[in-house]
C-alpha atoms as a PDB file:
ATOM      1  CA  MET A   1      19.702  44.215   5.886  1.00  0.00           C
ATOM      2  CA  GLY A   2      17.814  41.004   6.360  1.00  0.00           C
ATOM      3  CA  LEU A   3      18.846  37.629   5.068  1.00  0.00           C
ATOM      4  CA  PRO A   4      16.920  35.987   2.237  1.00  0.00           C
ATOM      5  CA  LEU A   5      13.941  33.859   3.280  1.00  0.00           C
ATOM      6  CA  GLU A   6      12.428  30.681   1.848  1.00  0.00           C
ATOM      7  CA  SER A   7       8.720  30.902   1.640  1.00  0.00           C
ATOM      8  CA  SER A   8       6.610  28.131   3.131  1.00  0.00           C
ATOM      9  CA  SER A   9       3.698  28.977   0.657  1.00  0.00           C
ATOM     10  CA  CYS A  10       1.467  30.118   3.502  1.00  0.00           C
ATOM     11  CA  LYS A  11       1.143  33.799   4.426  1.00  0.00           C
ATOM     12  CA  ALA A  12       0.242  33.149   8.097  1.00  0.00           C
ATOM     13  CA  LEU A  13       3.187  30.802   8.680  1.00  0.00           C
ATOM     14  CA  ASP A  14       5.594  33.164   6.802  1.00  0.00           C
ATOM     15  CA  ASP A  15       4.383  36.087   8.943  1.00  0.00           C
ATOM     16  CA  LEU A  16       4.975  33.924  12.056  1.00  0.00           C
ATOM     17  CA  LEU A  17       8.507  33.353  10.888  1.00  0.00           C
ATOM     18  CA  GLY A  18       9.122  36.970   9.783  1.00  0.00           C
ATOM     19  CA  GLY A  19       8.915  36.109   6.020  1.00  0.00           C
ATOM     20  CA  GLY A  20       9.856  32.403   5.768  1.00  0.00           C
ATOM     21  CA  ILE A  21      12.664  30.022   6.578  1.00  0.00           C
ATOM     22  CA  GLU A  22      15.801  32.051   7.112  1.00  0.00           C
ATOM     23  CA  THR A  23      18.912  31.279   4.959  1.00  0.00           C
ATOM     24  CA  SER A  24      22.411  30.941   6.450  1.00  0.00           C
ATOM     25  CA  ALA A  25      20.721  29.687   9.607  1.00  0.00           C
ATOM     26  CA  ILE A  26      19.266  26.558  11.127  1.00  0.00           C
ATOM     27  CA  THR A  27      15.530  26.272  11.856  1.00  0.00           C
ATOM     28  CA  GLU A  28      14.557  23.379  14.100  1.00  0.00           C
ATOM     29  CA  ALA A  29      11.043  21.994  14.269  1.00  0.00           C
ATOM     30  CA  SER A  30      10.398  19.727  17.258  1.00  0.00           C
ATOM     31  CA  GLY A  31       7.271  17.891  18.307  1.00  0.00           C
ATOM     32  CA  GLY A  32       5.714  14.552  18.716  1.00  0.00           C
ATOM     33  CA  PHE A  33       4.777  12.139  15.975  1.00  0.00           C
ATOM     34  CA  ARG A  34       2.173  13.234  13.450  1.00  0.00           C
ATOM     35  CA  SER A  35       2.451  16.865  14.505  1.00  0.00           C
ATOM     36  CA  GLY A  36       3.201  18.346  11.141  1.00  0.00           C
ATOM     37  CA  LYS A  37       7.036  18.581  11.132  1.00  0.00           C
ATOM     38  CA  THR A  38       7.607  16.315   8.121  1.00  0.00           C
ATOM     39  CA  GLN A  39       4.656  17.810   6.206  1.00  0.00           C
ATOM     40  CA  LEU A  40       6.181  21.193   6.421  1.00  0.00           C
ATOM     41  CA  ALA A  41       9.424  19.705   5.083  1.00  0.00           C
ATOM     42  CA  HIS A  42       7.589  18.262   2.093  1.00  0.00           C
ATOM     43  CA  THR A  43       5.953  21.520   1.488  1.00  0.00           C
ATOM     44  CA  LEU A  44       9.307  23.343   1.487  1.00  0.00           C
ATOM     45  CA  CYS A  45      10.632  20.712  -1.049  1.00  0.00           C
ATOM     46  CA  VAL A  46       8.136  22.265  -3.456  1.00  0.00           C
ATOM     47  CA  THR A  47       8.144  26.000  -2.684  1.00  0.00           C
ATOM     48  CA  THR A  48      11.951  26.210  -2.546  1.00  0.00           C
ATOM     49  CA  GLN A  49      12.177  25.269  -6.234  1.00  0.00           C
ATOM     50  CA  ALA A  50       9.920  28.022  -7.630  1.00  0.00           C
ATOM     51  CA  GLY A  51      11.286  31.475  -8.468  1.00  0.00           C
ATOM     52  CA  PHE A  52       7.665  32.575  -8.448  1.00  0.00           C
ATOM     53  CA  ILE A  53       4.587  30.257  -7.888  1.00  0.00           C
ATOM     54  CA  PRO A  54       1.624  31.598  -9.816  1.00  0.00           C
ATOM     55  CA  LYS A  55      -0.949  30.395  -7.354  1.00  0.00           C
ATOM     56  CA  LEU A  56       0.783  32.199  -4.410  1.00  0.00           C
ATOM     57  CA  PRO A  57       0.258  35.771  -3.347  1.00  0.00           C
ATOM     58  CA  LYS A  58       2.512  38.124  -5.329  1.00  0.00           C
ATOM     59  CA  ASN A  59       4.617  39.102  -2.220  1.00  0.00           C
ATOM     60  CA  MET A  60       5.480  35.320  -1.632  1.00  0.00           C
ATOM     61  CA  LYS A  61       8.325  33.890  -3.666  1.00  0.00           C
ATOM     62  CA  GLY A  62      10.271  30.663  -3.537  1.00  0.00           C
ATOM     63  CA  GLY A  63      14.014  30.147  -3.561  1.00  0.00           C
ATOM     64  CA  ASN A  64      14.257  29.158  -7.269  1.00  0.00           C
ATOM     65  CA  GLY A  65      16.779  26.473  -6.374  1.00  0.00           C
ATOM     66  CA  LYS A  66      17.295  22.751  -5.595  1.00  0.00           C
ATOM     67  CA  VAL A  67      16.486  20.809  -2.546  1.00  0.00           C
ATOM     68  CA  ALA A  68      18.670  18.404  -0.548  1.00  0.00           C
ATOM     69  CA  TYR A  69      16.731  16.008   1.809  1.00  0.00           C
ATOM     70  CA  ILE A  70      18.428  13.640   4.306  1.00  0.00           C
ATOM     71  CA  TYR A  71      16.084  11.427   6.281  1.00  0.00           C
ATOM     72  CA  THR A  72      16.771   8.940   9.037  1.00  0.00           C
ATOM     73  CA  GLU A  73      13.329   7.542   9.865  1.00  0.00           C
ATOM     74  CA  GLY A  74      11.978   6.599   6.476  1.00  0.00           C
ATOM     75  CA  THR A  75       9.656   9.614   6.296  1.00  0.00           C
ATOM     76  CA  PHE A  76      10.503  10.918   2.822  1.00  0.00           C
ATOM     77  CA  ARG A  77       7.599  10.154   0.522  1.00  0.00           C
ATOM     78  CA  PRO A  78       7.559  11.394  -3.099  1.00  0.00           C
ATOM     79  CA  ASP A  79       3.912  10.532  -3.472  1.00  0.00           C
ATOM     80  CA  ARG A  80       3.192  13.191  -0.698  1.00  0.00           C
ATOM     81  CA  ILE A  81       5.277  15.811  -2.484  1.00  0.00           C
ATOM     82  CA  VAL A  82       3.442  15.261  -5.820  1.00  0.00           C
ATOM     83  CA  PRO A  83       0.044  16.575  -4.760  1.00  0.00           C
ATOM     84  CA  ILE A  84       1.630  19.623  -3.138  1.00  0.00           C
ATOM     85  CA  ALA A  85       3.467  20.331  -6.420  1.00  0.00           C
ATOM     86  CA  GLU A  86       0.247  19.910  -8.379  1.00  0.00           C
ATOM     87  CA  ARG A  87      -1.486  22.353  -6.169  1.00  0.00           C
ATOM     88  CA  PHE A  88       0.996  24.985  -7.347  1.00  0.00           C
ATOM     89  CA  GLY A  89       1.148  23.772 -10.963  1.00  0.00           C
ATOM     90  CA  MET A  90       4.754  22.588 -10.595  1.00  0.00           C
ATOM     91  CA  ASP A  91       6.913  19.555 -11.471  1.00  0.00           C
ATOM     92  CA  PRO A  92       8.772  18.489  -8.300  1.00  0.00           C
ATOM     93  CA  GLY A  93      11.914  17.266  -9.984  1.00  0.00           C
ATOM     94  CA  ALA A  94      14.814  19.147  -8.396  1.00  0.00           C
ATOM     95  CA  ILE A  95      15.220  17.118  -5.266  1.00  0.00           C
ATOM     96  CA  ILE A  96      18.138  14.907  -4.143  1.00  0.00           C
ATOM     97  CA  CYS A  97      17.561  12.573  -1.213  1.00  0.00           C
ATOM     98  CA  ALA A  98      19.324  10.115   0.945  1.00  0.00           C
ATOM     99  CA  ARG A  99      18.565   7.768   3.730  1.00  0.00           C
ATOM    100  CA  ALA A 100      21.065   7.645   6.546  1.00  0.00           C
ATOM    101  CA  TYR A 101      21.267   4.458   8.727  1.00  0.00           C
ATOM    102  CA  THR A 102      23.918   5.534  11.247  1.00  0.00           C
ATOM    103  CA  TYR A 103      25.103   8.814  12.655  1.00  0.00           C
ATOM    104  CA  GLU A 104      28.477   8.293  10.824  1.00  0.00           C
ATOM    105  CA  HIS A 105      26.588   7.679   7.589  1.00  0.00           C
ATOM    106  CA  GLN A 106      24.613  10.858   8.263  1.00  0.00           C
ATOM    107  CA  TYR A 107      27.818  12.823   8.896  1.00  0.00           C
ATOM    108  CA  ASN A 108      29.504  11.496   5.734  1.00  0.00           C
ATOM    109  CA  LEU A 109      26.511  12.490   3.657  1.00  0.00           C
ATOM    110  CA  LEU A 110      27.009  16.039   4.595  1.00  0.00           C
ATOM    111  CA  PHE A 111      30.458  16.044   2.979  1.00  0.00           C
ATOM    112  CA  GLY A 112      29.065  14.677  -0.324  1.00  0.00           C
ATOM    113  CA  LEU A 113      26.337  17.286  -0.057  1.00  0.00           C
ATOM    114  CA  ALA A 114      28.887  20.138   0.360  1.00  0.00           C
ATOM    115  CA  GLU A 115      30.491  19.232  -2.973  1.00  0.00           C
ATOM    116  CA  LYS A 116      27.226  19.260  -4.777  1.00  0.00           C
ATOM    117  CA  VAL A 117      26.090  22.542  -3.196  1.00  0.00           C
ATOM    118  CA  SER A 118      29.314  24.196  -4.339  1.00  0.00           C
ATOM    119  CA  GLU A 119      28.490  23.208  -7.936  1.00  0.00           C
ATOM    120  CA  GLU A 120      24.666  23.505  -8.158  1.00  0.00           C
ATOM    121  CA  PRO A 121      22.198  26.176  -6.954  1.00  0.00           C
ATOM    122  CA  PHE A 122      20.751  24.531  -3.777  1.00  0.00           C
ATOM    123  CA  LYS A 123      18.664  26.662  -1.622  1.00  0.00           C
ATOM    124  CA  ILE A 124      17.612  24.462   1.258  1.00  0.00           C
ATOM    125  CA  LEU A 125      18.870  21.487   3.271  1.00  0.00           C
ATOM    126  CA  ILE A 126      16.242  19.407   5.066  1.00  0.00           C
ATOM    127  CA  ILE A 127      17.262  16.825   7.757  1.00  0.00           C
ATOM    128  CA  ASP A 128      14.456  14.673   9.109  1.00  0.00           C
ATOM    129  CA  SER A 129      15.421  14.055  11.853  1.00  0.00           C
ATOM    130  CA  ILE A 130      18.714  15.378  13.415  1.00  0.00           C
ATOM    131  CA  ILE A 131      18.698  13.338  16.666  1.00  0.00           C
ATOM    132  CA  ALA A 132      17.107   9.957  15.739  1.00  0.00           C
ATOM    133  CA  LEU A 133      20.257   8.085  14.915  1.00  0.00           C
ATOM    134  CA  PHE A 134      22.249   9.453  17.865  1.00  0.00           C
ATOM    135  CA  ARG A 135      19.591   8.130  20.254  1.00  0.00           C
ATOM    136  CA  VAL A 136      20.014   4.706  18.607  1.00  0.00           C
ATOM    137  CA  ASP A 137      23.847   4.502  18.373  1.00  0.00           C
ATOM    138  CA  PHE A 138      24.486   5.954  21.850  1.00  0.00           C
ATOM    139  CA  THR A 139      22.697   4.508  24.803  1.00  0.00           C
ATOM    140  CA  GLY A 140      22.847   5.349  28.492  1.00  0.00           C
ATOM    141  CA  ARG A 141      24.548   8.161  30.520  1.00  0.00           C
ATOM    142  CA  GLY A 142      27.898   6.479  30.079  1.00  0.00           C
ATOM    143  CA  GLU A 143      27.855   7.369  26.342  1.00  0.00           C
ATOM    144  CA  LEU A 144      26.175  10.768  26.681  1.00  0.00           C
ATOM    145  CA  ALA A 145      29.300  12.909  26.549  1.00  0.00           C
ATOM    146  CA  ASP A 146      30.479  11.079  23.494  1.00  0.00           C
ATOM    147  CA  ARG A 147      27.132  11.481  21.826  1.00  0.00           C
ATOM    148  CA  GLN A 148      27.023  15.164  22.448  1.00  0.00           C
ATOM    149  CA  GLN A 149      30.446  15.651  21.140  1.00  0.00           C
ATOM    150  CA  ARG A 150      29.575  13.875  17.885  1.00  0.00           C
ATOM    151  CA  LEU A 151      26.342  15.769  17.610  1.00  0.00           C
ATOM    152  CA  SER A 152      28.331  19.036  18.120  1.00  0.00           C
ATOM    153  CA  GLN A 153      30.633  18.046  15.199  1.00  0.00           C
ATOM    154  CA  MET A 154      27.586  17.464  12.927  1.00  0.00           C
ATOM    155  CA  LEU A 155      25.903  20.648  13.866  1.00  0.00           C
ATOM    156  CA  SER A 156      29.117  22.506  13.163  1.00  0.00           C
ATOM    157  CA  ARG A 157      29.296  20.986   9.713  1.00  0.00           C
ATOM    158  CA  ILE A 158      25.650  21.893   9.013  1.00  0.00           C
ATOM    159  CA  THR A 159      26.325  25.494  10.197  1.00  0.00           C
ATOM    160  CA  LYS A 160      29.218  25.770   7.834  1.00  0.00           C
ATOM    161  CA  ILE A 161      27.226  24.551   4.825  1.00  0.00           C
ATOM    162  CA  ALA A 162      24.491  27.018   5.624  1.00  0.00           C
ATOM    163  CA  GLU A 163      26.699  29.989   5.992  1.00  0.00           C
ATOM    164  CA  GLU A 164      29.298  29.246   3.288  1.00  0.00           C
ATOM    165  CA  PHE A 165      26.685  28.587   0.522  1.00  0.00           C
ATOM    166  CA  ASN A 166      23.767  30.759   1.962  1.00  0.00           C
ATOM    167  CA  VAL A 167      21.249  27.956   2.102  1.00  0.00           C
ATOM    168  CA  ALA A 168      18.408  27.538   4.534  1.00  0.00           C
ATOM    169  CA  VAL A 169      18.449  24.536   6.818  1.00  0.00           C
ATOM    170  CA  TYR A 170      15.304  23.062   8.108  1.00  0.00           C
ATOM    171  CA  MET A 171      15.670  20.153  10.504  1.00  0.00           C
ATOM    172  CA  THR A 172      13.165  18.206  12.623  1.00  0.00           C
ATOM    173  CA  ASN A 173      13.799  16.986  16.112  1.00  0.00           C
ATOM    174  CA  GLN A 174      12.167  14.543  18.498  1.00  0.00           C
ATOM    175  CA  VAL A 175      10.895  15.374  21.917  1.00  0.00           C
ATOM    176  CA  ILE A 176      11.445  13.812  25.340  1.00  0.00           C
ATOM    177  CA  PRO A 177       9.369  14.155  28.514  1.00  0.00           C
ATOM    178  CA  ASP A 178      10.002  17.040  30.841  1.00  0.00           C
ATOM    179  CA  PRO A 179       9.274  16.001  34.323  1.00  0.00           C
ATOM    180  CA  VAL A 180       9.975  19.353  35.777  1.00  0.00           C
ATOM    181  CA  PHE A 181       6.996  21.071  34.176  1.00  0.00           C
ATOM    182  CA  GLY A 182       4.832  17.983  33.771  1.00  0.00           C
ATOM    183  CA  MET A 183       2.386  18.857  36.524  1.00  0.00           C
ATOM    184  CA  PHE A 184       2.078  22.558  35.526  1.00  0.00           C
ATOM    185  CA  ILE A 185       1.561  22.477  31.674  1.00  0.00           C
ATOM    186  CA  SER A 186      -0.616  20.412  29.340  1.00  0.00           C
ATOM    187  CA  TYR A 187       2.294  19.699  26.917  1.00  0.00           C
ATOM    188  CA  PRO A 188       5.141  18.505  29.176  1.00  0.00           C
ATOM    189  CA  ASN A 189       7.720  17.785  26.453  1.00  0.00           C
ATOM    190  CA  LYS A 190      10.970  19.395  25.420  1.00  0.00           C
ATOM    191  CA  PRO A 191      13.260  19.069  22.365  1.00  0.00           C
ATOM    192  CA  ALA A 192      15.809  16.307  22.511  1.00  0.00           C
ATOM    193  CA  GLY A 193      19.474  17.156  22.188  1.00  0.00           C
ATOM    194  CA  GLY A 194      19.994  19.215  25.359  1.00  0.00           C
ATOM    195  CA  HIS A 195      21.534  22.620  25.612  1.00  0.00           C
ATOM    196  CA  LEU A 196      24.122  21.849  22.895  1.00  0.00           C
ATOM    197  CA  LEU A 197      21.455  21.556  20.216  1.00  0.00           C
ATOM    198  CA  ALA A 198      19.632  24.609  21.716  1.00  0.00           C
ATOM    199  CA  HIS A 199      22.713  26.813  21.261  1.00  0.00           C
ATOM    200  CA  ALA A 200      23.499  25.526  17.766  1.00  0.00           C
ATOM    201  CA  VAL A 201      20.199  26.304  16.072  1.00  0.00           C
ATOM    202  CA  THR A 202      18.960  29.758  15.227  1.00  0.00           C
ATOM    203  CA  ILE A 203      15.189  29.386  15.290  1.00  0.00           C
ATOM    204  CA  ARG A 204      13.293  26.815  17.283  1.00  0.00           C
ATOM    205  CA  LEU A 205       9.702  25.857  16.359  1.00  0.00           C
ATOM    206  CA  SER A 206       7.472  23.724  18.464  1.00  0.00           C
ATOM    207  CA  PHE A 207       4.738  21.589  16.730  1.00  0.00           C
ATOM    208  CA  ARG A 208       1.901  19.878  18.618  1.00  0.00           C
ATOM    209  CA  LYS A 209      -1.477  18.429  17.912  1.00  0.00           C
ATOM    210  CA  GLY A 210      -4.539  20.558  18.522  1.00  0.00           C
ATOM    211  CA  LYS A 211      -8.184  19.704  18.643  1.00  0.00           C
ATOM    212  CA  GLY A 212      -9.247  17.033  16.207  1.00  0.00           C
ATOM    213  CA  GLU A 213      -7.165  17.449  13.029  1.00  0.00           C
ATOM    214  CA  GLN A 214      -5.609  20.793  13.986  1.00  0.00           C
ATOM    215  CA  ARG A 215      -1.890  21.278  14.269  1.00  0.00           C
ATOM    216  CA  VAL A 216      -0.260  24.224  16.147  1.00  0.00           C
ATOM    217  CA  CYS A 217       3.143  25.703  15.276  1.00  0.00           C
ATOM    218  CA  LYS A 218       4.715  28.036  17.870  1.00  0.00           C
ATOM    219  CA  VAL A 219       7.935  30.062  17.849  1.00  0.00           C
ATOM    220  CA  PHE A 220       9.740  28.460  20.793  1.00  0.00           C
ATOM    221  CA  ASP A 221      12.955  30.464  20.651  1.00  0.00           C
ATOM    222  CA  ALA A 222      14.394  32.972  18.042  1.00  0.00           C
ATOM    223  CA  PRO A 223      16.786  35.976  18.238  1.00  0.00           C
ATOM    224  CA  ASN A 224      14.566  38.213  16.126  1.00  0.00           C
ATOM    225  CA  LEU A 225      11.070  36.892  16.545  1.00  0.00           C
ATOM    226  CA  PRO A 226       8.430  37.103  19.247  1.00  0.00           C
ATOM    227  CA  GLU A 227       6.723  34.089  20.680  1.00  0.00           C
ATOM    228  CA  ALA A 228       3.594  33.489  18.688  1.00  0.00           C
ATOM    229  CA  GLU A 229       1.456  30.654  17.313  1.00  0.00           C
ATOM    230  CA  ALA A 230      -0.307  29.626  14.133  1.00  0.00           C
ATOM    231  CA  ILE A 231      -2.784  26.824  13.672  1.00  0.00           C
ATOM    232  CA  SER A 232      -3.486  24.606  10.769  1.00  0.00           C
ATOM    233  CA  PHE A 233      -6.481  22.645   9.429  1.00  0.00           C
ATOM    234  CA  PHE A 234      -6.725  19.419   7.509  1.00  0.00           C
ATOM    235  CA  ASN A 235      -9.078  18.639   4.711  1.00  0.00           C
ATOM    236  CA  LYS A 236     -11.003  15.463   5.570  1.00  0.00           C
ATOM    237  CA  SER A 237     -12.480  15.028   2.099  1.00  0.00           C
ATOM    238  CA  ILE A 238      -9.112  13.968   0.677  1.00  0.00           C
ATOM    239  CA  THR A 239      -8.665  10.270   0.093  1.00  0.00           C
ATOM    240  CA  THR A 240      -7.036   8.192   2.770  1.00  0.00           C
ATOM    241  CA  CYS A 241      -3.649   8.194   1.004  1.00  0.00           C
ATOM    242  CA  TYR A 242      -3.392  11.937   1.330  1.00  0.00           C
ATOM    243  CA  SER A 243      -5.439  12.410   4.556  1.00  0.00           C
ATOM    244  CA  SER A 244      -2.511  13.737   6.416  1.00  0.00           C
ATOM    245  CA  ILE A 245      -1.593  16.615   3.995  1.00  0.00           C
ATOM    246  CA  MET A 246      -1.451  19.955   5.744  1.00  0.00           C
ATOM    247  CA  HIS A 247      -2.665  22.455   3.109  1.00  0.00           C
ATOM    248  CA  ASN A 248      -2.468  25.655   4.984  1.00  0.00           C
ATOM    249  CA  PHE A 249      -1.537  27.415   8.180  1.00  0.00           C
ATOM    250  CA  VAL A 250      -4.011  30.130   9.407  1.00  0.00           C
ATOM    251  CA  PHE A 251      -4.267  32.218  12.427  1.00  0.00           C
ATOM    252  CA  LEU A 252      -6.947  31.363  14.993  1.00  0.00           C
ATOM    253  CA  ASN A 253      -9.317  33.994  13.728  1.00  0.00           C
ATOM    254  CA  LYS A 254      -9.150  32.926  10.110  1.00  0.00           C
ATOM    255  CA  LYS A 255     -11.634  30.594   8.313  1.00  0.00           C
ATOM    256  CA  LYS A 256     -10.845  27.264   6.798  1.00  0.00           C
ATOM    257  CA  ALA A 257      -9.406  27.463   3.274  1.00  0.00           C
ATOM    258  CA  HIS A 258     -10.376  25.430   0.250  1.00  0.00           C
ATOM    259  CA  LEU A 259      -8.006  22.645  -0.919  1.00  0.00           C
ATOM    260  CA  PRO A 260      -8.232  21.664  -4.572  1.00  0.00           C
ATOM    261  CA  ASP A 261      -8.321  18.134  -5.754  1.00  0.00           C
ATOM    262  CA  TYR A 262      -5.059  16.160  -6.187  1.00  0.00           C
ATOM    263  CA  PHE A 263      -3.992  13.793  -8.804  1.00  0.00           C
ATOM    264  CA  GLN A 264      -1.366  11.254  -8.322  1.00  0.00           C
ATOM    265  CA  ARG A 265       1.762  11.626 -10.432  1.00  0.00           C
ATOM    266  CA  ARG A 266       5.295  10.175 -10.094  1.00  0.00           C
ATOM    267  CA  CYS A 267       8.009  12.320  -8.451  1.00  0.00           C
ATOM    268  CA  ARG A 268      11.582  12.122  -9.893  1.00  0.00           C
ATOM    269  CA  CYS A 269      13.973  12.344  -6.963  1.00  0.00           C
ATOM    270  CA  GLN A 270      17.739  11.709  -7.348  1.00  0.00           C
ATOM    271  CA  ARG A 271      19.758   9.775  -4.812  1.00  0.00           C
ATOM    272  CA  LEU A 272      22.514  11.491  -2.817  1.00  0.00           C
ATOM    273  CA  GLU A 273      25.388   9.330  -1.636  1.00  0.00           C
ATOM    274  CA  PRO A 274      28.773  10.427  -0.110  1.00  0.00           C
ATOM    275  CA  ALA A 275      31.616  11.000  -2.398  1.00  0.00           C
END
């Protein structure tokens, strides 16, 4: 019997992931800047809250629960979530968020979150990104062993939250150059965090820029999914404020979908602080 899945609101991407973001597991999305990782996180903030979104296909359902969002790079933007919610006719109000400034702060937020998850129906934890603060607080090879140990402790805490409360975990990750394959492939980057992070996550996704405004999502590693890709398109007719909104993922042989107009509205997001 498979685990419950959180829909991404797009059939092609859900098909790529075997139905959606898996619960009781960690899904990692790695890629360079402006590759679509955070945009998918914002979309999940909306789709996770819906028991059934009227404008989605009937076989695609949300998680009907709350969202916890921990960000480390200042990437959480309520004004980007609002147009996504309006696309589905929803009010994006069931989100708690917190900005972490050090790896210790990030770790402590998980303790406060565990208490909230035990009392309220949270369905997904989003961390954007997992490795950024570790690369700031630990420098050089002399601190690498200590960094990996601290990272291992944090990943263990995240895994316990996912499995104990049956929530999906979606976290983004940065990339670093891969000199070994740099001369043989056109995208010579690999996820940061080393083997430790690779063993801790369940599903690894790789995001990259395609031609023009295209974005490509590839299943990099998964225990139950084959390697495959999906490609996205951007709508250039949107105003500059929302020009980076990814409205759909489609396979290479699908046509561009229509994106309805958006109207700006305030998003009510609570703040999450450690207990």
